[in-house]
């Protein structure tokens, strides 16, 4: 059976939903499908926080406006219990923000809160999924066994511009655990990554180690960065925004790098 048809039928049974909408490819595709399945009985809700890149908020606004989808924002500061970026930060943060989305759903008489977790996410370390289960958040893409590649193919077929958008996690993932999170640190990370993106390095991360910025890129992007002109531009700009050192990680981009390192050290338990 066609997976998109299966998803539409699944969504129709939910009747009236709020979607946790980040603007990434998964939640954008899910929102598009929900609009088709439920019409005006769907609302997008986006978290607006210092650890969410401003350009992601802008792109999320543009998408819902284009499709005529109701869209609300919940402003969230850095909560005190994640201020020092604890090892279980992702779980604590997910629980905190989805509790707020759940409250909104109850107050506005929506039956369910849904999110863009997909089938491939079960194969990766995703500590936030525990919070989603505890709060009874529904993940239609997961339930319908729709993978990331499925999503990209179906999004491309429907001419969604995000179909090839690289994955992008919140800015807190760039900071080592047990480090006090400051707003200016998050601003530096966002500016640094946007600078690299504007240079054509779409899948990138700038990991912070004190006053050192460790740049992670897909290895096929190394050729774009290892030349004197680009190196000078990067070091000059990174210095301007507050980094003393900038270095390229020769291992390349690794999703969830700090979490992977903590897992390898035996420091994460769920």
C-alpha atoms as a PDB file:
ATOM      1  CA  UNK A   1       0.000   0.000   0.000  1.00  0.00           C
ATOM      2  CA  UNK A   2       1.196   3.547  -0.752  1.00  0.00           C
ATOM      3  CA  UNK A   3       2.799   4.979   2.394  1.00  0.00           C
ATOM      4  CA  UNK A   4       1.445   8.475   1.805  1.00  0.00           C
ATOM      5  CA  UNK A   5      -2.095   7.120   1.528  1.00  0.00           C
ATOM      6  CA  UNK A   6      -1.546   5.152   4.747  1.00  0.00           C
ATOM      7  CA  UNK A   7      -0.350   8.321   6.494  1.00  0.00           C
ATOM      8  CA  UNK A   8      -3.342  10.358   5.309  1.00  0.00           C
ATOM      9  CA  UNK A   9      -5.772   7.690   6.553  1.00  0.00           C
ATOM     10  CA  UNK A  10      -3.957   7.539   9.902  1.00  0.00           C
ATOM     11  CA  UNK A  11      -4.118  11.323  10.310  1.00  0.00           C
ATOM     12  CA  UNK A  12      -7.823  11.459   9.452  1.00  0.00           C
ATOM     13  CA  UNK A  13      -8.562   9.217  12.442  1.00  0.00           C
ATOM     14  CA  UNK A  14      -6.937  11.761  14.779  1.00  0.00           C
ATOM     15  CA  UNK A  15      -9.580  14.363  13.807  1.00  0.00           C
ATOM     16  CA  UNK A  16      -8.019  17.483  15.338  1.00  0.00           C
ATOM     17  CA  UNK A  17      -4.321  17.929  16.095  1.00  0.00           C
ATOM     18  CA  UNK A  18      -1.546  20.278  17.096  1.00  0.00           C
ATOM     19  CA  UNK A  19       1.756  19.582  15.376  1.00  0.00           C
ATOM     20  CA  UNK A  20       5.062  20.365  17.072  1.00  0.00           C
ATOM     21  CA  UNK A  21       6.555  22.161  14.085  1.00  0.00           C
ATOM     22  CA  UNK A  22      10.292  22.876  13.937  1.00  0.00           C
ATOM     23  CA  UNK A  23      10.527  23.691  10.249  1.00  0.00           C
ATOM     24  CA  UNK A  24      12.718  20.652   9.552  1.00  0.00           C
ATOM     25  CA  UNK A  25      11.965  18.236   6.726  1.00  0.00           C
ATOM     26  CA  UNK A  26      10.092  15.717   8.929  1.00  0.00           C
ATOM     27  CA  UNK A  27       7.716  18.099  10.677  1.00  0.00           C
ATOM     28  CA  UNK A  28       7.211  20.121   7.477  1.00  0.00           C
ATOM     29  CA  UNK A  29       6.220  17.028   5.512  1.00  0.00           C
ATOM     30  CA  UNK A  30       3.949  15.877   8.355  1.00  0.00           C
ATOM     31  CA  UNK A  31       2.303  19.299   8.543  1.00  0.00           C
ATOM     32  CA  UNK A  32       1.683  19.268   4.788  1.00  0.00           C
ATOM     33  CA  UNK A  33       0.056  15.821   5.030  1.00  0.00           C
ATOM     34  CA  UNK A  34      -1.998  16.821   8.089  1.00  0.00           C
ATOM     35  CA  UNK A  35      -3.309  19.877   6.257  1.00  0.00           C
ATOM     36  CA  UNK A  36      -4.420  17.636   3.401  1.00  0.00           C
ATOM     37  CA  UNK A  37      -6.016  15.113   5.787  1.00  0.00           C
ATOM     38  CA  UNK A  38      -7.606  17.462   8.335  1.00  0.00           C
ATOM     39  CA  UNK A  39      -7.912  20.881   6.714  1.00  0.00           C
ATOM     40  CA  UNK A  40      -8.522  23.550   9.339  1.00  0.00           C
ATOM     41  CA  UNK A  41      -8.428  21.006  12.163  1.00  0.00           C
ATOM     42  CA  UNK A  42      -4.665  21.270  12.331  1.00  0.00           C
ATOM     43  CA  UNK A  43      -2.492  23.891  13.988  1.00  0.00           C
ATOM     44  CA  UNK A  44       1.286  24.230  13.946  1.00  0.00           C
ATOM     45  CA  UNK A  45       3.024  25.178  17.177  1.00  0.00           C
ATOM     46  CA  UNK A  46       6.675  26.232  17.149  1.00  0.00           C
ATOM     47  CA  UNK A  47       8.953  26.733  20.129  1.00  0.00           C
ATOM     48  CA  UNK A  48      10.772  30.069  20.003  1.00  0.00           C
ATOM     49  CA  UNK A  49      13.827  29.964  22.243  1.00  0.00           C
ATOM     50  CA  UNK A  50      17.433  31.223  22.412  1.00  0.00           C
ATOM     51  CA  UNK A  51      18.567  27.721  21.420  1.00  0.00           C
ATOM     52  CA  UNK A  52      16.497  27.656  18.213  1.00  0.00           C
ATOM     53  CA  UNK A  53      18.130  29.328  15.209  1.00  0.00           C
ATOM     54  CA  UNK A  54      16.311  32.469  14.087  1.00  0.00           C
ATOM     55  CA  UNK A  55      16.467  31.426  10.436  1.00  0.00           C
ATOM     56  CA  UNK A  56      14.574  28.220  11.303  1.00  0.00           C
ATOM     57  CA  UNK A  57      11.800  30.281  12.926  1.00  0.00           C
ATOM     58  CA  UNK A  58      11.654  32.475   9.823  1.00  0.00           C
ATOM     59  CA  UNK A  59      11.409  29.501   7.459  1.00  0.00           C
ATOM     60  CA  UNK A  60       8.687  27.914   9.625  1.00  0.00           C
ATOM     61  CA  UNK A  61       6.626  31.123   9.474  1.00  0.00           C
ATOM     62  CA  UNK A  62       6.995  31.347   5.710  1.00  0.00           C
ATOM     63  CA  UNK A  63       5.835  27.763   5.170  1.00  0.00           C
ATOM     64  CA  UNK A  64       2.648  28.007   7.240  1.00  0.00           C
ATOM     65  CA  UNK A  65       1.790  31.367   5.705  1.00  0.00           C
ATOM     66  CA  UNK A  66       2.190  29.916   2.215  1.00  0.00           C
ATOM     67  CA  UNK A  67      -0.159  27.005   2.984  1.00  0.00           C
ATOM     68  CA  UNK A  68      -2.610  29.013   5.072  1.00  0.00           C
ATOM     69  CA  UNK A  69      -2.058  26.925   8.186  1.00  0.00           C
ATOM     70  CA  UNK A  70      -2.803  28.275  11.666  1.00  0.00           C
ATOM     71  CA  UNK A  71       0.502  28.776  13.454  1.00  0.00           C
ATOM     72  CA  UNK A  72       1.274  29.753  17.036  1.00  0.00           C
ATOM     73  CA  UNK A  73       4.566  30.250  18.861  1.00  0.00           C
ATOM     74  CA  UNK A  74       5.444  29.437  22.451  1.00  0.00           C
ATOM     75  CA  UNK A  75       8.281  31.584  23.803  1.00  0.00           C
ATOM     76  CA  UNK A  76      10.566  29.547  26.037  1.00  0.00           C
ATOM     77  CA  UNK A  77      13.680  30.733  27.860  1.00  0.00           C
ATOM     78  CA  UNK A  78      16.488  28.399  28.906  1.00  0.00           C
ATOM     79  CA  UNK A  79      14.915  26.527  31.818  1.00  0.00           C
ATOM     80  CA  UNK A  80      16.860  26.437  35.083  1.00  0.00           C
ATOM     81  CA  UNK A  81      17.071  22.629  35.091  1.00  0.00           C
ATOM     82  CA  UNK A  82      18.949  22.557  31.762  1.00  0.00           C
ATOM     83  CA  UNK A  83      21.010  25.723  32.304  1.00  0.00           C
ATOM     84  CA  UNK A  84      24.185  23.745  32.962  1.00  0.00           C
ATOM     85  CA  UNK A  85      23.563  21.407  29.964  1.00  0.00           C
ATOM     86  CA  UNK A  86      23.260  18.156  31.960  1.00  0.00           C
ATOM     87  CA  UNK A  87      23.800  14.759  30.361  1.00  0.00           C
ATOM     88  CA  UNK A  88      20.029  14.147  30.228  1.00  0.00           C
ATOM     89  CA  UNK A  89      19.324  17.625  28.850  1.00  0.00           C
ATOM     90  CA  UNK A  90      17.506  16.398  25.731  1.00  0.00           C
ATOM     91  CA  UNK A  91      15.056  14.366  27.802  1.00  0.00           C
ATOM     92  CA  UNK A  92      14.476  17.213  30.278  1.00  0.00           C
ATOM     93  CA  UNK A  93      14.049  19.783  27.515  1.00  0.00           C
ATOM     94  CA  UNK A  94      11.651  17.657  25.446  1.00  0.00           C
ATOM     95  CA  UNK A  95       9.528  17.002  28.503  1.00  0.00           C
ATOM     96  CA  UNK A  96       9.465  20.684  29.407  1.00  0.00           C
ATOM     97  CA  UNK A  97       8.465  22.000  25.986  1.00  0.00           C
ATOM     98  CA  UNK A  98       5.997  19.242  25.155  1.00  0.00           C
ATOM     99  CA  UNK A  99       4.247  19.764  28.483  1.00  0.00           C
ATOM    100  CA  UNK A 100       3.674  23.342  27.337  1.00  0.00           C
ATOM    101  CA  UNK A 101       2.386  22.178  23.951  1.00  0.00           C
ATOM    102  CA  UNK A 102       0.113  19.648  25.679  1.00  0.00           C
ATOM    103  CA  UNK A 103      -1.316  22.394  27.883  1.00  0.00           C
ATOM    104  CA  UNK A 104      -2.069  24.462  24.799  1.00  0.00           C
ATOM    105  CA  UNK A 105      -3.796  21.511  23.160  1.00  0.00           C
ATOM    106  CA  UNK A 106      -6.022  20.971  26.199  1.00  0.00           C
ATOM    107  CA  UNK A 107      -6.870  24.673  26.511  1.00  0.00           C
ATOM    108  CA  UNK A 108      -7.785  24.917  22.823  1.00  0.00           C
ATOM    109  CA  UNK A 109      -9.657  21.604  22.616  1.00  0.00           C
ATOM    110  CA  UNK A 110      -7.290  19.744  20.296  1.00  0.00           C
ATOM    111  CA  UNK A 111      -7.497  15.968  20.643  1.00  0.00           C
ATOM    112  CA  UNK A 112      -3.838  15.114  20.116  1.00  0.00           C
ATOM    113  CA  UNK A 113      -0.321  16.528  19.932  1.00  0.00           C
ATOM    114  CA  UNK A 114       1.763  14.942  17.183  1.00  0.00           C
ATOM    115  CA  UNK A 115       5.399  15.250  16.165  1.00  0.00           C
ATOM    116  CA  UNK A 116       7.713  14.400  13.276  1.00  0.00           C
ATOM    117  CA  UNK A 117       9.628  11.465  14.769  1.00  0.00           C
ATOM    118  CA  UNK A 118      10.179   9.029  11.908  1.00  0.00           C
ATOM    119  CA  UNK A 119      10.812   5.287  11.683  1.00  0.00           C
ATOM    120  CA  UNK A 120      14.595   5.692  11.359  1.00  0.00           C
ATOM    121  CA  UNK A 121      14.728   7.553  14.680  1.00  0.00           C
ATOM    122  CA  UNK A 122      14.206   4.229  16.473  1.00  0.00           C
ATOM    123  CA  UNK A 123      17.642   3.133  15.219  1.00  0.00           C
ATOM    124  CA  UNK A 124      19.471   6.142  16.654  1.00  0.00           C
ATOM    125  CA  UNK A 125      20.079   7.365  20.197  1.00  0.00           C
ATOM    126  CA  UNK A 126      17.153   9.732  20.830  1.00  0.00           C
ATOM    127  CA  UNK A 127      16.797  10.401  24.584  1.00  0.00           C
ATOM    128  CA  UNK A 128      13.930  12.808  23.945  1.00  0.00           C
ATOM    129  CA  UNK A 129      11.734   9.959  22.716  1.00  0.00           C
ATOM    130  CA  UNK A 130      11.333   8.778  26.313  1.00  0.00           C
ATOM    131  CA  UNK A 131       9.689  12.127  27.158  1.00  0.00           C
ATOM    132  CA  UNK A 132       7.389  11.837  24.133  1.00  0.00           C
ATOM    133  CA  UNK A 133       6.233   8.400  25.286  1.00  0.00           C
ATOM    134  CA  UNK A 134       5.616   9.623  28.837  1.00  0.00           C
ATOM    135  CA  UNK A 135       3.518  12.543  27.576  1.00  0.00           C
ATOM    136  CA  UNK A 136       1.624  10.373  25.068  1.00  0.00           C
ATOM    137  CA  UNK A 137       2.740  12.389  22.064  1.00  0.00           C
ATOM    138  CA  UNK A 138       1.779  10.635  18.814  1.00  0.00           C
ATOM    139  CA  UNK A 139       4.356  10.167  16.053  1.00  0.00           C
ATOM    140  CA  UNK A 140       2.438   9.329  12.843  1.00  0.00           C
ATOM    141  CA  UNK A 141       5.542   8.927  10.665  1.00  0.00           C
ATOM    142  CA  UNK A 142       6.903   6.391  13.124  1.00  0.00           C
ATOM    143  CA  UNK A 143       3.574   4.597  13.462  1.00  0.00           C
ATOM    144  CA  UNK A 144       3.252   4.324   9.672  1.00  0.00           C
ATOM    145  CA  UNK A 145       6.860   3.079   9.370  1.00  0.00           C
ATOM    146  CA  UNK A 146       7.908   6.011   7.186  1.00  0.00           C
ATOM    147  CA  UNK A 147      11.678   6.452   6.960  1.00  0.00           C
ATOM    148  CA  UNK A 148      13.760   9.568   6.308  1.00  0.00           C
ATOM    149  CA  UNK A 149      14.357   8.548   2.703  1.00  0.00           C
ATOM    150  CA  UNK A 150      10.606   7.967   2.275  1.00  0.00           C
ATOM    151  CA  UNK A 151       9.950  11.464   3.605  1.00  0.00           C
ATOM    152  CA  UNK A 152      12.463  13.097   1.273  1.00  0.00           C
ATOM    153  CA  UNK A 153      11.088  11.267  -1.772  1.00  0.00           C
ATOM    154  CA  UNK A 154       7.454  12.070  -0.943  1.00  0.00           C
ATOM    155  CA  UNK A 155       8.308  15.692  -0.108  1.00  0.00           C
ATOM    156  CA  UNK A 156      10.147  16.073  -3.420  1.00  0.00           C
ATOM    157  CA  UNK A 157       7.194  14.591  -5.311  1.00  0.00           C
ATOM    158  CA  UNK A 158       4.961  17.237  -3.708  1.00  0.00           C
ATOM    159  CA  UNK A 159       7.456  19.992  -4.509  1.00  0.00           C
ATOM    160  CA  UNK A 160       8.191  20.871  -0.892  1.00  0.00           C
ATOM    161  CA  UNK A 161      11.339  22.985  -0.888  1.00  0.00           C
ATOM    162  CA  UNK A 162      12.634  21.308   2.282  1.00  0.00           C
ATOM    163  CA  UNK A 163      12.889  17.866   0.667  1.00  0.00           C
ATOM    164  CA  UNK A 164      16.712  18.006   0.623  1.00  0.00           C
ATOM    165  CA  UNK A 165      17.173  20.219   3.682  1.00  0.00           C
ATOM    166  CA  UNK A 166      19.943  18.855   5.942  1.00  0.00           C
ATOM    167  CA  UNK A 167      18.996  17.749   9.445  1.00  0.00           C
ATOM    168  CA  UNK A 168      19.418  20.496  12.004  1.00  0.00           C
ATOM    169  CA  UNK A 169      19.260  19.986  15.767  1.00  0.00           C
ATOM    170  CA  UNK A 170      18.874  22.671  18.417  1.00  0.00           C
ATOM    171  CA  UNK A 171      21.938  24.757  19.241  1.00  0.00           C
ATOM    172  CA  UNK A 172      22.380  23.161  22.667  1.00  0.00           C
ATOM    173  CA  UNK A 173      23.750  20.053  20.933  1.00  0.00           C
ATOM    174  CA  UNK A 174      26.883  22.036  20.023  1.00  0.00           C
ATOM    175  CA  UNK A 175      27.900  22.519  23.649  1.00  0.00           C
ATOM    176  CA  UNK A 176      29.663  20.052  25.919  1.00  0.00           C
ATOM    177  CA  UNK A 177      27.657  18.603  28.786  1.00  0.00           C
ATOM    178  CA  UNK A 178      28.065  20.181  32.226  1.00  0.00           C
ATOM    179  CA  UNK A 179      28.739  23.579  30.683  1.00  0.00           C
ATOM    180  CA  UNK A 180      26.795  26.670  31.713  1.00  0.00           C
ATOM    181  CA  UNK A 181      24.733  27.833  28.734  1.00  0.00           C
ATOM    182  CA  UNK A 182      24.864  31.535  27.971  1.00  0.00           C
ATOM    183  CA  UNK A 183      22.741  33.311  25.356  1.00  0.00           C
ATOM    184  CA  UNK A 184      25.773  34.969  23.766  1.00  0.00           C
ATOM    185  CA  UNK A 185      27.341  31.526  23.284  1.00  0.00           C
ATOM    186  CA  UNK A 186      24.256  30.366  21.392  1.00  0.00           C
ATOM    187  CA  UNK A 187      24.296  33.522  19.282  1.00  0.00           C
ATOM    188  CA  UNK A 188      27.938  32.904  18.330  1.00  0.00           C
ATOM    189  CA  UNK A 189      27.162  29.331  17.289  1.00  0.00           C
ATOM    190  CA  UNK A 190      24.187  30.405  15.193  1.00  0.00           C
ATOM    191  CA  UNK A 191      26.165  33.162  13.450  1.00  0.00           C
ATOM    192  CA  UNK A 192      29.117  30.855  12.797  1.00  0.00           C
ATOM    193  CA  UNK A 193      26.969  28.101  11.297  1.00  0.00           C
ATOM    194  CA  UNK A 194      24.958  30.536   9.184  1.00  0.00           C
ATOM    195  CA  UNK A 195      28.230  31.970   7.864  1.00  0.00           C
ATOM    196  CA  UNK A 196      29.348  28.482   6.796  1.00  0.00           C
ATOM    197  CA  UNK A 197      25.950  27.724   5.255  1.00  0.00           C
ATOM    198  CA  UNK A 198      26.181  30.897   3.217  1.00  0.00           C
ATOM    199  CA  UNK A 199      29.494  29.562   1.913  1.00  0.00           C
ATOM    200  CA  UNK A 200      27.653  26.484   0.597  1.00  0.00           C
ATOM    201  CA  UNK A 201      28.433  24.164   3.539  1.00  0.00           C
ATOM    202  CA  UNK A 202      24.851  23.152   4.306  1.00  0.00           C
ATOM    203  CA  UNK A 203      25.399  20.182   6.620  1.00  0.00           C
ATOM    204  CA  UNK A 204      27.670  21.721   9.244  1.00  0.00           C
ATOM    205  CA  UNK A 205      28.078  21.987  12.980  1.00  0.00           C
ATOM    206  CA  UNK A 206      30.165  24.359  15.079  1.00  0.00           C
ATOM    207  CA  UNK A 207      30.952  22.572  18.350  1.00  0.00           C
ATOM    208  CA  UNK A 208      32.157  24.800  21.178  1.00  0.00           C
ATOM    209  CA  UNK A 209      35.052  24.004  23.509  1.00  0.00           C
ATOM    210  CA  UNK A 210      35.618  27.140  25.567  1.00  0.00           C
ATOM    211  CA  UNK A 211      36.944  29.774  23.151  1.00  0.00           C
ATOM    212  CA  UNK A 212      37.608  27.190  20.417  1.00  0.00           C
ATOM    213  CA  UNK A 213      35.132  26.487  17.590  1.00  0.00           C
ATOM    214  CA  UNK A 214      35.413  22.959  16.142  1.00  0.00           C
ATOM    215  CA  UNK A 215      33.902  22.892  12.660  1.00  0.00           C
ATOM    216  CA  UNK A 216      32.308  19.666  11.473  1.00  0.00           C
ATOM    217  CA  UNK A 217      31.454  19.266   7.777  1.00  0.00           C
ATOM    218  CA  UNK A 218      30.604  16.387   5.494  1.00  0.00           C
ATOM    219  CA  UNK A 219      33.930  15.291   4.049  1.00  0.00           C
ATOM    220  CA  UNK A 220      32.820  16.130   0.513  1.00  0.00           C
ATOM    221  CA  UNK A 221      32.726  19.767   1.671  1.00  0.00           C
ATOM    222  CA  UNK A 222      36.374  19.769   2.765  1.00  0.00           C
ATOM    223  CA  UNK A 223      37.444  20.902  -0.695  1.00  0.00           C
ATOM    224  CA  UNK A 224      35.333  24.062  -0.241  1.00  0.00           C
ATOM    225  CA  UNK A 225      37.023  25.072   2.988  1.00  0.00           C
ATOM    226  CA  UNK A 226      40.673  24.116   2.553  1.00  0.00           C
ATOM    227  CA  UNK A 227      41.911  27.060   0.560  1.00  0.00           C
ATOM    228  CA  UNK A 228      43.629  30.181   1.815  1.00  0.00           C
ATOM    229  CA  UNK A 229      40.867  32.651   0.911  1.00  0.00           C
ATOM    230  CA  UNK A 230      38.082  30.736   2.664  1.00  0.00           C
ATOM    231  CA  UNK A 231      40.264  29.909   5.674  1.00  0.00           C
ATOM    232  CA  UNK A 232      41.097  33.591   6.117  1.00  0.00           C
ATOM    233  CA  UNK A 233      37.429  34.572   5.814  1.00  0.00           C
ATOM    234  CA  UNK A 234      36.359  31.984   8.397  1.00  0.00           C
ATOM    235  CA  UNK A 235      39.080  32.759  10.930  1.00  0.00           C
ATOM    236  CA  UNK A 236      38.470  36.487  10.565  1.00  0.00           C
ATOM    237  CA  UNK A 237      34.706  36.192  11.016  1.00  0.00           C
ATOM    238  CA  UNK A 238      34.905  33.676  13.861  1.00  0.00           C
ATOM    239  CA  UNK A 239      37.342  35.993  15.655  1.00  0.00           C
ATOM    240  CA  UNK A 240      34.979  38.917  15.090  1.00  0.00           C
ATOM    241  CA  UNK A 241      32.084  37.073  16.789  1.00  0.00           C
ATOM    242  CA  UNK A 242      34.171  35.984  19.774  1.00  0.00           C
ATOM    243  CA  UNK A 243      36.049  32.741  19.043  1.00  0.00           C
ATOM    244  CA  UNK A 244      39.787  32.785  19.692  1.00  0.00           C
ATOM    245  CA  UNK A 245      40.455  29.609  17.698  1.00  0.00           C
ATOM    246  CA  UNK A 246      38.734  27.830  14.785  1.00  0.00           C
ATOM    247  CA  UNK A 247      39.606  24.281  13.794  1.00  0.00           C
ATOM    248  CA  UNK A 248      38.329  21.730  11.262  1.00  0.00           C
ATOM    249  CA  UNK A 249      37.483  18.267  12.586  1.00  0.00           C
ATOM    250  CA  UNK A 250      39.079  15.870  10.086  1.00  0.00           C
ATOM    251  CA  UNK A 251      36.690  13.098  11.095  1.00  0.00           C
ATOM    252  CA  UNK A 252      33.875  15.055   9.456  1.00  0.00           C
ATOM    253  CA  UNK A 253      30.314  15.718  10.535  1.00  0.00           C
ATOM    254  CA  UNK A 254      28.939  13.326  13.146  1.00  0.00           C
ATOM    255  CA  UNK A 255      25.296  13.627  14.190  1.00  0.00           C
ATOM    256  CA  UNK A 256      24.915  14.001  17.963  1.00  0.00           C
ATOM    257  CA  UNK A 257      28.667  14.143  18.476  1.00  0.00           C
ATOM    258  CA  UNK A 258      28.678  15.190  22.142  1.00  0.00           C
ATOM    259  CA  UNK A 259      25.996  12.610  23.005  1.00  0.00           C
ATOM    260  CA  UNK A 260      27.965   9.922  21.182  1.00  0.00           C
ATOM    261  CA  UNK A 261      31.088  10.769  23.175  1.00  0.00           C
ATOM    262  CA  UNK A 262      29.132  10.628  26.441  1.00  0.00           C
ATOM    263  CA  UNK A 263      27.600   7.278  25.506  1.00  0.00           C
ATOM    264  CA  UNK A 264      31.016   5.859  24.700  1.00  0.00           C
ATOM    265  CA  UNK A 265      32.167   6.957  28.145  1.00  0.00           C
ATOM    266  CA  UNK A 266      29.213   5.154  29.729  1.00  0.00           C
ATOM    267  CA  UNK A 267      27.648   8.371  30.955  1.00  0.00           C
ATOM    268  CA  UNK A 268      24.117   8.144  29.582  1.00  0.00           C
ATOM    269  CA  UNK A 269      21.458   5.889  30.999  1.00  0.00           C
ATOM    270  CA  UNK A 270      17.761   5.845  30.230  1.00  0.00           C
END
